[in-house]
Every structure is written in structure tokens, then in C-alpha cells.
PDB file of N, CA and C in Angstrom:
ATOM      1  N   MET A   1       0.850  -1.173   0.000  1.00  0.00           N
ATOM      2  CA  MET A   1       0.000   0.000   0.000  1.00  0.00           C
ATOM      3  C   MET A   1       0.894   1.233   0.000  1.00  0.00           C
ATOM      4  N   LYS A   2       0.435   2.239  -0.722  1.00  0.00           N
ATOM      5  CA  LYS A   2       1.107   3.530  -0.746  1.00  0.00           C
ATOM      6  C   LYS A   2       0.182   4.555  -0.100  1.00  0.00           C
ATOM      7  N   LEU A   3       0.782   5.487   0.632  1.00  0.00           N
ATOM      8  CA  LEU A   3       0.029   6.574   1.260  1.00  0.00           C
ATOM      9  C   LEU A   3       0.722   7.879   0.869  1.00  0.00           C
ATOM     10  N   ILE A   4      -0.022   8.748   0.197  1.00  0.00           N
ATOM     11  CA  ILE A   4       0.547   9.974  -0.351  1.00  0.00           C
ATOM     12  C   ILE A   4      -0.254  11.176   0.150  1.00  0.00           C
ATOM     13  N   TYR A   5       0.441  12.238   0.492  1.00  0.00           N
ATOM     14  CA  TYR A   5      -0.238  13.484   0.873  1.00  0.00           C
ATOM     15  C   TYR A   5      -0.097  14.492  -0.248  1.00  0.00           C
ATOM     16  N   ASP A   6      -1.189  15.074  -0.671  1.00  0.00           N
ATOM     17  CA  ASP A   6      -1.195  16.126  -1.683  1.00  0.00           C
ATOM     18  C   ASP A   6      -1.695  17.396  -1.003  1.00  0.00           C
ATOM     19  N   SER A   7      -0.838  18.388  -0.878  1.00  0.00           N
ATOM     20  CA  SER A   7      -1.186  19.595  -0.128  1.00  0.00           C
ATOM     21  C   SER A   7      -1.965  20.618  -0.950  1.00  0.00           C
ATOM     22  N   ARG A   8      -2.186  20.344  -2.219  1.00  0.00           N
ATOM     23  CA  ARG A   8      -2.952  21.297  -3.034  1.00  0.00           C
ATOM     24  C   ARG A   8      -4.423  21.278  -2.627  1.00  0.00           C
ATOM     25  N   PRO A   9      -5.010  22.457  -2.420  1.00  0.00           N
ATOM     26  CA  PRO A   9      -6.448  22.504  -2.115  1.00  0.00           C
ATOM     27  C   PRO A   9      -7.241  22.205  -3.388  1.00  0.00           C
ATOM     28  N   THR A  10      -7.707  20.979  -3.518  1.00  0.00           N
ATOM     29  CA  THR A  10      -8.335  20.554  -4.765  1.00  0.00           C
ATOM     30  C   THR A  10      -9.825  20.846  -4.831  1.00  0.00           C
ATOM     31  N   SER A  11     -10.454  21.024  -3.687  1.00  0.00           N
ATOM     32  CA  SER A  11     -11.892  21.287  -3.683  1.00  0.00           C
ATOM     33  C   SER A  11     -12.311  21.795  -2.307  1.00  0.00           C
ATOM     34  N   PRO A  12     -13.541  22.294  -2.173  1.00  0.00           N
ATOM     35  CA  PRO A  12     -14.021  22.717  -0.852  1.00  0.00           C
ATOM     36  C   PRO A  12     -14.021  21.545   0.147  1.00  0.00           C
ATOM     37  N   ARG A  13     -14.147  20.328  -0.370  1.00  0.00           N
ATOM     38  CA  ARG A  13     -14.144  19.159   0.507  1.00  0.00           C
ATOM     39  C   ARG A  13     -12.761  18.952   1.144  1.00  0.00           C
ATOM     40  N   TYR A  14     -11.719  19.296   0.403  1.00  0.00           N
ATOM     41  CA  TYR A  14     -10.347  19.139   0.906  1.00  0.00           C
ATOM     42  C   TYR A  14      -9.603  20.472   0.791  1.00  0.00           C
ATOM     43  N   PRO A  15      -9.954  21.477   1.599  1.00  0.00           N
ATOM     44  CA  PRO A  15      -9.331  22.797   1.464  1.00  0.00           C
ATOM     45  C   PRO A  15      -7.855  22.828   1.863  1.00  0.00           C
ATOM     46  N   HIS A  16      -7.407  21.846   2.635  1.00  0.00           N
ATOM     47  CA  HIS A  16      -6.007  21.805   3.069  1.00  0.00           C
ATOM     48  C   HIS A  16      -5.279  20.623   2.457  1.00  0.00           C
ATOM     49  N   GLY A  17      -5.740  20.157   1.317  1.00  0.00           N
ATOM     50  CA  GLY A  17      -5.128  19.003   0.687  1.00  0.00           C
ATOM     51  C   GLY A  17      -5.823  17.727   1.146  1.00  0.00           C
ATOM     52  N   TYR A  18      -5.279  16.590   0.720  1.00  0.00           N
ATOM     53  CA  TYR A  18      -5.898  15.314   1.070  1.00  0.00           C
ATOM     54  C   TYR A  18      -4.860  14.201   1.106  1.00  0.00           C
ATOM     55  N   TRP A  19      -5.234  13.117   1.708  1.00  0.00           N
ATOM     56  CA  TRP A  19      -4.406  11.915   1.756  1.00  0.00           C
ATOM     57  C   TRP A  19      -4.972  10.925   0.756  1.00  0.00           C
ATOM     58  N   TYR A  20      -4.077  10.257   0.050  1.00  0.00           N
ATOM     59  CA  TYR A  20      -4.446   9.316  -0.989  1.00  0.00           C
ATOM     60  C   TYR A  20      -3.800   7.971  -0.669  1.00  0.00           C
ATOM     61  N   ALA A  21      -4.610   6.932  -0.538  1.00  0.00           N
ATOM     62  CA  ALA A  21      -4.105   5.582  -0.274  1.00  0.00           C
ATOM     63  C   ALA A  21      -4.405   4.713  -1.491  1.00  0.00           C
ATOM     64  N   CYS A  22      -3.441   3.891  -1.892  1.00  0.00           N
ATOM     65  CA  CYS A  22      -3.681   3.005  -3.030  1.00  0.00           C
ATOM     66  C   CYS A  22      -2.915   1.702  -2.846  1.00  0.00           C
ATOM     67  N   THR A  23      -3.368   0.688  -3.553  1.00  0.00           N
ATOM     68  CA  THR A  23      -2.645  -0.578  -3.541  1.00  0.00           C
ATOM     69  C   THR A  23      -1.398  -0.412  -4.393  1.00  0.00           C
ATOM     70  N   GLY A  24      -0.405  -1.242  -4.150  1.00  0.00           N
ATOM     71  CA  GLY A  24       0.857  -1.140  -4.869  1.00  0.00           C
ATOM     72  C   GLY A  24       0.721  -1.273  -6.376  1.00  0.00           C
ATOM     73  N   ASP A  25      -0.281  -2.018  -6.819  1.00  0.00           N
ATOM     74  CA  ASP A  25      -0.477  -2.192  -8.262  1.00  0.00           C
ATOM     75  C   ASP A  25      -1.325  -1.083  -8.884  1.00  0.00           C
ATOM     76  N   GLY A  26      -1.824  -0.167  -8.058  1.00  0.00           N
ATOM     77  CA  GLY A  26      -2.625   0.948  -8.546  1.00  0.00           C
ATOM     78  C   GLY A  26      -4.045   0.576  -8.944  1.00  0.00           C
ATOM     79  N   LYS A  27      -4.450  -0.630  -8.606  1.00  0.00           N
ATOM     80  CA  LYS A  27      -5.768  -1.113  -9.014  1.00  0.00           C
ATOM     81  C   LYS A  27      -6.892  -0.511  -8.162  1.00  0.00           C
ATOM     82  N   TYR A  28      -6.633  -0.278  -6.890  1.00  0.00           N
ATOM     83  CA  TYR A  28      -7.646   0.249  -5.972  1.00  0.00           C
ATOM     84  C   TYR A  28      -7.091   1.480  -5.269  1.00  0.00           C
ATOM     85  N   ASP A  29      -7.949   2.471  -5.048  1.00  0.00           N
ATOM     86  CA  ASP A  29      -7.500   3.675  -4.361  1.00  0.00           C
ATOM     87  C   ASP A  29      -8.655   4.329  -3.620  1.00  0.00           C
ATOM     88  N   ALA A  30      -8.291   5.246  -2.722  1.00  0.00           N
ATOM     89  CA  ALA A  30      -9.266   5.995  -1.933  1.00  0.00           C
ATOM     90  C   ALA A  30      -8.579   7.246  -1.394  1.00  0.00           C
ATOM     91  N   ALA A  31      -9.373   8.263  -1.070  1.00  0.00           N
ATOM     92  CA  ALA A  31      -8.818   9.508  -0.538  1.00  0.00           C
ATOM     93  C   ALA A  31      -9.591   9.929   0.695  1.00  0.00           C
ATOM     94  N   GLY A  32      -8.959  10.764   1.505  1.00  0.00           N
ATOM     95  CA  GLY A  32      -9.609  11.277   2.693  1.00  0.00           C
ATOM     96  C   GLY A  32      -8.870  12.477   3.239  1.00  0.00           C
ATOM     97  N   PRO A  33      -9.476  13.187   4.174  1.00  0.00           N
ATOM     98  CA  PRO A  33      -8.868  14.398   4.726  1.00  0.00           C
ATOM     99  C   PRO A  33      -7.710  14.095   5.682  1.00  0.00           C
ATOM    100  N   ASP A  34      -7.573  12.839   6.119  1.00  0.00           N
ATOM    101  CA  ASP A  34      -6.482  12.453   7.011  1.00  0.00           C
ATOM    102  C   ASP A  34      -6.055  11.020   6.652  1.00  0.00           C
ATOM    103  N   PRO A  35      -4.874  10.590   7.098  1.00  0.00           N
ATOM    104  CA  PRO A  35      -4.377   9.264   6.720  1.00  0.00           C
ATOM    105  C   PRO A  35      -5.291   8.113   7.149  1.00  0.00           C
ATOM    106  N   LEU A  36      -5.821   8.184   8.342  1.00  0.00           N
ATOM    107  CA  LEU A  36      -6.657   7.086   8.834  1.00  0.00           C
ATOM    108  C   LEU A  36      -7.927   6.931   7.995  1.00  0.00           C
ATOM    109  N   THR A  37      -8.542   8.030   7.621  1.00  0.00           N
ATOM    110  CA  THR A  37      -9.738   7.969   6.788  1.00  0.00           C
ATOM    111  C   THR A  37      -9.414   7.385   5.418  1.00  0.00           C
ATOM    112  N   ALA A  38      -8.309   7.801   4.828  1.00  0.00           N
ATOM    113  CA  ALA A  38      -7.923   7.283   3.511  1.00  0.00           C
ATOM    114  C   ALA A  38      -7.669   5.777   3.571  1.00  0.00           C
ATOM    115  N   ILE A  39      -6.974   5.315   4.597  1.00  0.00           N
ATOM    116  CA  ILE A  39      -6.689   3.885   4.742  1.00  0.00           C
ATOM    117  C   ILE A  39      -7.975   3.108   4.997  1.00  0.00           C
ATOM    118  N   THR A  40      -8.840   3.643   5.851  1.00  0.00           N
ATOM    119  CA  THR A  40     -10.112   2.977   6.150  1.00  0.00           C
ATOM    120  C   THR A  40     -10.959   2.852   4.888  1.00  0.00           C
ATOM    121  N   ARG A  41     -11.017   3.905   4.104  1.00  0.00           N
ATOM    122  CA  ARG A  41     -11.795   3.866   2.859  1.00  0.00           C
ATOM    123  C   ARG A  41     -11.196   2.864   1.874  1.00  0.00           C
ATOM    124  N   LEU A  42      -9.858   2.781   1.819  1.00  0.00           N
ATOM    125  CA  LEU A  42      -9.222   1.805   0.936  1.00  0.00           C
ATOM    126  C   LEU A  42      -9.551   0.387   1.375  1.00  0.00           C
ATOM    127  N   LEU A  43      -9.535   0.144   2.674  1.00  0.00           N
ATOM    128  CA  LEU A  43      -9.892  -1.189   3.173  1.00  0.00           C
ATOM    129  C   LEU A  43     -11.337  -1.537   2.840  1.00  0.00           C
ATOM    130  N   GLN A  44     -12.230  -0.554   2.888  1.00  0.00           N
ATOM    131  CA  GLN A  44     -13.630  -0.792   2.522  1.00  0.00           C
ATOM    132  C   GLN A  44     -13.751  -1.140   1.038  1.00  0.00           C
ATOM    133  N   VAL A  45     -12.983  -0.453   0.205  1.00  0.00           N
ATOM    134  CA  VAL A  45     -12.984  -0.741  -1.234  1.00  0.00           C
ATOM    135  C   VAL A  45     -12.485  -2.161  -1.482  1.00  0.00           C
ATOM    136  N   LEU A  46     -11.417  -2.555  -0.796  1.00  0.00           N
ATOM    137  CA  LEU A  46     -10.872  -3.903  -0.956  1.00  0.00           C
ATOM    138  C   LEU A  46     -11.848  -4.963  -0.467  1.00  0.00           C
ATOM    139  N   GLU A  47     -12.521  -4.676   0.639  1.00  0.00           N
ATOM    140  CA  GLU A  47     -13.511  -5.614   1.169  1.00  0.00           C
ATOM    141  C   GLU A  47     -14.641  -5.832   0.154  1.00  0.00           C
ATOM    142  N   GLU A  48     -15.109  -4.755  -0.463  1.00  0.00           N
ATOM    143  CA  GLU A  48     -16.166  -4.868  -1.471  1.00  0.00           C
ATOM    144  C   GLU A  48     -15.685  -5.661  -2.688  1.00  0.00           C
ATOM    145  N   ALA A  49     -14.423  -5.474  -3.040  1.00  0.00           N
ATOM    146  CA  ALA A  49     -13.880  -6.176  -4.206  1.00  0.00           C
ATOM    147  C   ALA A  49     -13.796  -7.682  -3.968  1.00  0.00           C
ATOM    148  N   LEU A  50     -13.651  -8.084  -2.717  1.00  0.00           N
ATOM    149  CA  LEU A  50     -13.542  -9.508  -2.394  1.00  0.00           C
ATOM    150  C   LEU A  50     -14.892 -10.216  -2.337  1.00  0.00           C
ATOM    151  N   LYS A  51     -15.971  -9.454  -2.302  1.00  0.00           N
ATOM    152  CA  LYS A  51     -17.307 -10.056  -2.205  1.00  0.00           C
ATOM    153  C   LYS A  51     -17.741 -10.660  -3.522  1.00  0.00           C
TER     154      LYS A  51
END
């Protein structure tokens, strides 16, 4: 898993930047306002993919 911080204010939802979590192969990804949210969202995406 990769965890990346982008400090650019990309939208009103992320005025101070956002955290981006993705699998090493780039197949699944998720973003959030903090690292824990991004990782949690990525785990939810992976869980759905396994169903």
C-alpha cells in the first residue's frame, strides 16, 4: 500500500489538501482528509472487491 499526501487545495471538501491511499499495483485507491480515513476507505474498497 502507498500513502501519499497532496497539499494542493483541490476542492471545498479538501481545502487543506488530502491523503491518498492506493494498492501497490494501482488497481484500488481511496482519498480522505487524514491518513486514517484514507486507509479505512481503501480497506472498505478492498472488502467490497472480495465479495
